[in-house]
Amino acid sequence: AAAYHDAGADVTFIEAPQTQEQIVAIG
């Protein structure tokens, strides 16, 4: 996601986080 953002993506999507902690980190 960081690489896509660095390449110019305005928004990114990380597929299938499996824990609440992962969701918090992505946010």
PDB file of all heavy atoms in Angstrom:
ATOM      1  N   ALA A   1       0.842  -1.203   0.000  1.00  0.00           N
ATOM      2  CA  ALA A   1       0.000   0.000   0.000  1.00  0.00           C
ATOM      3  C   ALA A   1       0.874   1.248   0.000  1.00  0.00           C
ATOM      4  O   ALA A   1       0.594   2.213  -0.718  1.00  0.00           O
ATOM      5  CB  ALA A   1      -0.934  -0.009   1.205  1.00  0.00           C
ATOM      6  N   ALA A   2       1.950   1.234   0.781  1.00  0.00           N
ATOM      7  CA  ALA A   2       2.865   2.381   0.815  1.00  0.00           C
ATOM      8  C   ALA A   2       3.525   2.589  -0.542  1.00  0.00           C
ATOM      9  O   ALA A   2       3.677   3.733  -0.996  1.00  0.00           O
ATOM     10  CB  ALA A   2       3.915   2.177   1.900  1.00  0.00           C
ATOM     11  N   ALA A   3       3.879   1.496  -1.210  1.00  0.00           N
ATOM     12  CA  ALA A   3       4.497   1.614  -2.529  1.00  0.00           C
ATOM     13  C   ALA A   3       3.522   2.221  -3.536  1.00  0.00           C
ATOM     14  O   ALA A   3       3.904   3.077  -4.344  1.00  0.00           O
ATOM     15  CB  ALA A   3       4.981   0.243  -3.008  1.00  0.00           C
ATOM     16  N   TYR A   4       2.265   1.782  -3.485  1.00  0.00           N
ATOM     17  CA  TYR A   4       1.256   2.367  -4.377  1.00  0.00           C
ATOM     18  C   TYR A   4       1.038   3.838  -4.061  1.00  0.00           C
ATOM     19  O   TYR A   4       0.902   4.672  -4.964  1.00  0.00           O
ATOM     20  CB  TYR A   4      -0.067   1.601  -4.290  1.00  0.00           C
ATOM     21  CG  TYR A   4      -0.094   0.352  -5.123  1.00  0.00           C
ATOM     22  CD1 TYR A   4      -0.009  -0.907  -4.529  1.00  0.00           C
ATOM     23  CD2 TYR A   4      -0.202   0.415  -6.509  1.00  0.00           C
ATOM     24  CE1 TYR A   4      -0.027  -2.064  -5.299  1.00  0.00           C
ATOM     25  CE2 TYR A   4      -0.227  -0.728  -7.284  1.00  0.00           C
ATOM     26  CZ  TYR A   4      -0.133  -1.962  -6.666  1.00  0.00           C
ATOM     27  OH  TYR A   4      -0.151  -3.098  -7.434  1.00  0.00           O
ATOM     28  N   HIS A   5       1.008   4.167  -2.785  1.00  0.00           N
ATOM     29  CA  HIS A   5       0.841   5.574  -2.391  1.00  0.00           C
ATOM     30  C   HIS A   5       2.021   6.391  -2.901  1.00  0.00           C
ATOM     31  O   HIS A   5       1.844   7.481  -3.459  1.00  0.00           O
ATOM     32  CB  HIS A   5       0.702   5.694  -0.872  1.00  0.00           C
ATOM     33  CG  HIS A   5       0.509   7.099  -0.430  1.00  0.00           C
ATOM     34  ND1 HIS A   5       1.516   7.841   0.117  1.00  0.00           N
ATOM     35  CD2 HIS A   5      -0.579   7.910  -0.483  1.00  0.00           C
ATOM     36  CE1 HIS A   5       1.071   9.049   0.397  1.00  0.00           C
ATOM     37  NE2 HIS A   5      -0.198   9.113   0.042  1.00  0.00           N
ATOM     38  N   ASP A   6       3.228   5.873  -2.738  1.00  0.00           N
ATOM     39  CA  ASP A   6       4.423   6.578  -3.219  1.00  0.00           C
ATOM     40  C   ASP A   6       4.405   6.742  -4.731  1.00  0.00           C
ATOM     41  O   ASP A   6       4.949   7.713  -5.264  1.00  0.00           O
ATOM     42  CB  ASP A   6       5.692   5.820  -2.802  1.00  0.00           C
ATOM     43  CG  ASP A   6       5.928   5.866  -1.296  1.00  0.00           C
ATOM     44  OD1 ASP A   6       5.297   6.705  -0.605  1.00  0.00           O
ATOM     45  OD2 ASP A   6       6.738   5.047  -0.808  1.00  0.00           O
ATOM     46  N   ALA A   7       3.745   5.806  -5.424  1.00  0.00           N
ATOM     47  CA  ALA A   7       3.648   5.876  -6.887  1.00  0.00           C
ATOM     48  C   ALA A   7       2.531   6.804  -7.350  1.00  0.00           C
ATOM     49  O   ALA A   7       2.356   7.012  -8.537  1.00  0.00           O
ATOM     50  CB  ALA A   7       3.444   4.478  -7.456  1.00  0.00           C
ATOM     51  N   GLY A   8       1.753   7.332  -6.384  1.00  0.00           N
ATOM     52  CA  GLY A   8       0.732   8.302  -6.761  1.00  0.00           C
ATOM     53  C   GLY A   8      -0.696   7.936  -6.426  1.00  0.00           C
ATOM     54  O   GLY A   8      -1.608   8.723  -6.697  1.00  0.00           O
ATOM     55  N   ALA A   9      -0.934   6.779  -5.840  1.00  0.00           N
ATOM     56  CA  ALA A   9      -2.311   6.411  -5.487  1.00  0.00           C
ATOM     57  C   ALA A   9      -2.822   7.335  -4.386  1.00  0.00           C
ATOM     58  O   ALA A   9      -2.121   7.605  -3.411  1.00  0.00           O
ATOM     59  CB  ALA A   9      -2.359   4.964  -5.013  1.00  0.00           C
ATOM     60  N   ASP A  10      -4.028   7.825  -4.561  1.00  0.00           N
ATOM     61  CA  ASP A  10      -4.643   8.688  -3.550  1.00  0.00           C
ATOM     62  C   ASP A  10      -5.237   7.892  -2.401  1.00  0.00           C
ATOM     63  O   ASP A  10      -5.313   8.371  -1.280  1.00  0.00           O
ATOM     64  CB  ASP A  10      -5.762   9.536  -4.182  1.00  0.00           C
ATOM     65  CG  ASP A  10      -5.225  10.510  -5.204  1.00  0.00           C
ATOM     66  OD1 ASP A  10      -4.132  11.063  -4.987  1.00  0.00           O
ATOM     67  OD2 ASP A  10      -5.898  10.714  -6.237  1.00  0.00           O
ATOM     68  N   VAL A  11      -5.712   6.675  -2.707  1.00  0.00           N
ATOM     69  CA  VAL A  11      -6.370   5.810  -1.739  1.00  0.00           C
ATOM     70  C   VAL A  11      -5.827   4.405  -1.954  1.00  0.00           C
ATOM     71  O   VAL A  11      -5.565   4.019  -3.087  1.00  0.00           O
ATOM     72  CB  VAL A  11      -7.906   5.803  -1.963  1.00  0.00           C
ATOM     73  CG1 VAL A  11      -8.603   4.854  -1.017  1.00  0.00           C
ATOM     74  CG2 VAL A  11      -8.478   7.201  -1.839  1.00  0.00           C
ATOM     75  N   THR A  12      -5.674   3.648  -0.864  1.00  0.00           N
ATOM     76  CA  THR A  12      -5.254   2.258  -1.025  1.00  0.00           C
ATOM     77  C   THR A  12      -6.205   1.325  -0.295  1.00  0.00           C
ATOM     78  O   THR A  12      -6.993   1.747   0.551  1.00  0.00           O
ATOM     79  CB  THR A  12      -3.802   2.026  -0.541  1.00  0.00           C
ATOM     80  OG1 THR A  12      -3.662   2.459   0.801  1.00  0.00           O
ATOM     81  CG2 THR A  12      -2.805   2.751  -1.425  1.00  0.00           C
ATOM     82  N   PHE A  13      -6.122   0.061  -0.667  1.00  0.00           N
ATOM     83  CA  PHE A  13      -6.990  -0.987  -0.137  1.00  0.00           C
ATOM     84  C   PHE A  13      -6.120  -2.179   0.197  1.00  0.00           C
ATOM     85  O   PHE A  13      -5.416  -2.696  -0.674  1.00  0.00           O
ATOM     86  CB  PHE A  13      -8.040  -1.353  -1.194  1.00  0.00           C
ATOM     87  CG  PHE A  13      -8.766  -2.632  -0.922  1.00  0.00           C
ATOM     88  CD1 PHE A  13      -9.708  -2.713   0.090  1.00  0.00           C
ATOM     89  CD2 PHE A  13      -8.516  -3.760  -1.683  1.00  0.00           C
ATOM     90  CE1 PHE A  13     -10.382  -3.900   0.335  1.00  0.00           C
ATOM     91  CE2 PHE A  13      -9.186  -4.949  -1.451  1.00  0.00           C
ATOM     92  CZ  PHE A  13     -10.113  -5.016  -0.431  1.00  0.00           C
ATOM     93  N   ILE A  14      -6.140  -2.598   1.436  1.00  0.00           N
ATOM     94  CA  ILE A  14      -5.389  -3.774   1.868  1.00  0.00           C
ATOM     95  C   ILE A  14      -6.390  -4.910   2.037  1.00  0.00           C
ATOM     96  O   ILE A  14      -7.319  -4.823   2.840  1.00  0.00           O
ATOM     97  CB  ILE A  14      -4.612  -3.482   3.164  1.00  0.00           C
ATOM     98  CG1 ILE A  14      -3.574  -2.387   2.878  1.00  0.00           C
ATOM     99  CG2 ILE A  14      -3.968  -4.756   3.693  1.00  0.00           C
ATOM    100  CD1 ILE A  14      -2.825  -1.901   4.082  1.00  0.00           C
ATOM    101  N   GLU A  15      -6.176  -5.965   1.286  1.00  0.00           N
ATOM    102  CA  GLU A  15      -7.123  -7.075   1.217  1.00  0.00           C
ATOM    103  C   GLU A  15      -7.171  -7.894   2.499  1.00  0.00           C
ATOM    104  O   GLU A  15      -6.144  -8.302   3.026  1.00  0.00           O
ATOM    105  CB  GLU A  15      -6.722  -7.992   0.043  1.00  0.00           C
ATOM    106  CG  GLU A  15      -7.576  -9.233  -0.117  1.00  0.00           C
ATOM    107  CD  GLU A  15      -8.960  -8.944  -0.638  1.00  0.00           C
ATOM    108  OE1 GLU A  15      -9.128  -7.997  -1.414  1.00  0.00           O
ATOM    109  OE2 GLU A  15      -9.894  -9.678  -0.255  1.00  0.00           O
ATOM    110  N   ALA A  16      -8.368  -8.122   2.991  1.00  0.00           N
ATOM    111  CA  ALA A  16      -8.712  -9.107   4.017  1.00  0.00           C
ATOM    112  C   ALA A  16      -7.898  -9.065   5.307  1.00  0.00           C
ATOM    113  O   ALA A  16      -7.336 -10.075   5.712  1.00  0.00           O
ATOM    114  CB  ALA A  16      -8.685 -10.505   3.420  1.00  0.00           C
ATOM    115  N   PRO A  17      -7.861  -7.906   5.991  1.00  0.00           N
ATOM    116  CA  PRO A  17      -7.270  -7.957   7.333  1.00  0.00           C
ATOM    117  C   PRO A  17      -8.084  -8.924   8.186  1.00  0.00           C
ATOM    118  O   PRO A  17      -9.304  -8.997   8.057  1.00  0.00           O
ATOM    119  CB  PRO A  17      -7.371  -6.516   7.836  1.00  0.00           C
ATOM    120  CG  PRO A  17      -8.400  -5.868   6.987  1.00  0.00           C
ATOM    121  CD  PRO A  17      -8.402  -6.590   5.682  1.00  0.00           C
ATOM    122  N   GLN A  18      -7.407  -9.674   9.036  1.00  0.00           N
ATOM    123  CA  GLN A  18      -8.087 -10.746   9.761  1.00  0.00           C
ATOM    124  C   GLN A  18      -8.253 -10.492  11.250  1.00  0.00           C
ATOM    125  O   GLN A  18      -8.880 -11.303  11.940  1.00  0.00           O
ATOM    126  CB  GLN A  18      -7.350 -12.058   9.522  1.00  0.00           C
ATOM    127  CG  GLN A  18      -7.381 -12.446   8.061  1.00  0.00           C
ATOM    128  CD  GLN A  18      -6.656 -13.746   7.777  1.00  0.00           C
ATOM    129  OE1 GLN A  18      -6.514 -14.597   8.640  1.00  0.00           O
ATOM    130  NE2 GLN A  18      -6.203 -13.897   6.555  1.00  0.00           N
ATOM    131  N   THR A  19      -7.691  -9.400  11.755  1.00  0.00           N
ATOM    132  CA  THR A  19      -7.837  -9.102  13.173  1.00  0.00           C
ATOM    133  C   THR A  19      -8.206  -7.636  13.357  1.00  0.00           C
ATOM    134  O   THR A  19      -7.953  -6.800  12.474  1.00  0.00           O
ATOM    135  CB  THR A  19      -6.532  -9.373  13.955  1.00  0.00           C
ATOM    136  OG1 THR A  19      -5.535  -8.433  13.529  1.00  0.00           O
ATOM    137  CG2 THR A  19      -6.045 -10.807  13.756  1.00  0.00           C
ATOM    138  N   GLN A  20      -8.773  -7.329  14.500  1.00  0.00           N
ATOM    139  CA  GLN A  20      -9.082  -5.936  14.813  1.00  0.00           C
ATOM    140  C   GLN A  20      -7.806  -5.107  14.864  1.00  0.00           C
ATOM    141  O   GLN A  20      -7.796  -3.950  14.428  1.00  0.00           O
ATOM    142  CB  GLN A  20      -9.852  -5.850  16.123  1.00  0.00           C
ATOM    143  CG  GLN A  20     -11.235  -6.446  16.035  1.00  0.00           C
ATOM    144  CD  GLN A  20     -12.024  -6.310  17.327  1.00  0.00           C
ATOM    145  OE1 GLN A  20     -11.521  -5.855  18.346  1.00  0.00           O
ATOM    146  NE2 GLN A  20     -13.285  -6.710  17.280  1.00  0.00           N
ATOM    147  N   GLU A  21      -6.732  -5.701  15.352  1.00  0.00           N
ATOM    148  CA  GLU A  21      -5.454  -4.984  15.434  1.00  0.00           C
ATOM    149  C   GLU A  21      -4.935  -4.611  14.050  1.00  0.00           C
ATOM    150  O   GLU A  21      -4.414  -3.504  13.849  1.00  0.00           O
ATOM    151  CB  GLU A  21      -4.415  -5.840  16.186  1.00  0.00           C
ATOM    152  CG  GLU A  21      -4.725  -6.069  17.654  1.00  0.00           C
ATOM    153  CD  GLU A  21      -5.803  -7.131  17.917  1.00  0.00           C
ATOM    154  OE1 GLU A  21      -6.082  -7.962  17.019  1.00  0.00           O
ATOM    155  OE2 GLU A  21      -6.382  -7.107  19.013  1.00  0.00           O
ATOM    156  N   GLN A  22      -5.087  -5.503  13.085  1.00  0.00           N
ATOM    157  CA  GLN A  22      -4.674  -5.193  11.714  1.00  0.00           C
ATOM    158  C   GLN A  22      -5.499  -4.044  11.150  1.00  0.00           C
ATOM    159  O   GLN A  22      -4.968  -3.160  10.478  1.00  0.00           O
ATOM    160  CB  GLN A  22      -4.799  -6.431  10.827  1.00  0.00           C
ATOM    161  CG  GLN A  22      -3.781  -7.500  11.109  1.00  0.00           C
ATOM    162  CD  GLN A  22      -4.037  -8.784  10.319  1.00  0.00           C
ATOM    163  OE1 GLN A  22      -5.156  -9.034   9.858  1.00  0.00           O
ATOM    164  NE2 GLN A  22      -2.996  -9.588  10.159  1.00  0.00           N
ATOM    165  N   ILE A  23      -6.793  -4.055  11.418  1.00  0.00           N
ATOM    166  CA  ILE A  23      -7.668  -2.983  10.926  1.00  0.00           C
ATOM    167  C   ILE A  23      -7.252  -1.649  11.529  1.00  0.00           C
ATOM    168  O   ILE A  23      -7.156  -0.635  10.821  1.00  0.00           O
ATOM    169  CB  ILE A  23      -9.145  -3.311  11.231  1.00  0.00           C
ATOM    170  CG1 ILE A  23      -9.581  -4.524  10.407  1.00  0.00           C
ATOM    171  CG2 ILE A  23     -10.042  -2.108  10.946  1.00  0.00           C
ATOM    172  CD1 ILE A  23     -10.925  -5.092  10.797  1.00  0.00           C
ATOM    173  N   VAL A  24      -6.977  -1.628  12.815  1.00  0.00           N
ATOM    174  CA  VAL A  24      -6.536  -0.395  13.476  1.00  0.00           C
ATOM    175  C   VAL A  24      -5.234   0.100  12.856  1.00  0.00           C
ATOM    176  O   VAL A  24      -5.083   1.295  12.557  1.00  0.00           O
ATOM    177  CB  VAL A  24      -6.390  -0.611  15.003  1.00  0.00           C
ATOM    178  CG1 VAL A  24      -5.692   0.566  15.655  1.00  0.00           C
ATOM    179  CG2 VAL A  24      -7.765  -0.848  15.635  1.00  0.00           C
ATOM    180  N   ALA A  25      -4.292  -0.800  12.612  1.00  0.00           N
ATOM    181  CA  ALA A  25      -3.007  -0.413  12.025  1.00  0.00           C
ATOM    182  C   ALA A  25      -3.180   0.154  10.618  1.00  0.00           C
ATOM    183  O   ALA A  25      -2.553   1.159  10.265  1.00  0.00           O
ATOM    184  CB  ALA A  25      -2.059  -1.616  12.011  1.00  0.00           C
ATOM    185  N   ILE A  26      -4.029  -0.466   9.827  1.00  0.00           N
ATOM    186  CA  ILE A  26      -4.278   0.022   8.461  1.00  0.00           C
ATOM    187  C   ILE A  26      -4.885   1.421   8.514  1.00  0.00           C
ATOM    188  O   ILE A  26      -4.503   2.310   7.764  1.00  0.00           O
ATOM    189  CB  ILE A  26      -5.194  -0.955   7.689  1.00  0.00           C
ATOM    190  CG1 ILE A  26      -4.463  -2.268   7.444  1.00  0.00           C
ATOM    191  CG2 ILE A  26      -5.662  -0.341   6.366  1.00  0.00           C
ATOM    192  CD1 ILE A  26      -5.371  -3.410   7.002  1.00  0.00           C
ATOM    193  N   GLY A  27      -5.831   1.622   9.414  1.00  0.00           N
ATOM    194  CA  GLY A  27      -6.478   2.924   9.543  1.00  0.00           C
ATOM    195  C   GLY A  27      -5.526   4.035   9.941  1.00  0.00           C
ATOM    196  O   GLY A  27      -5.803   5.209   9.708  1.00  0.00           O
TER     197      GLY A  27
END
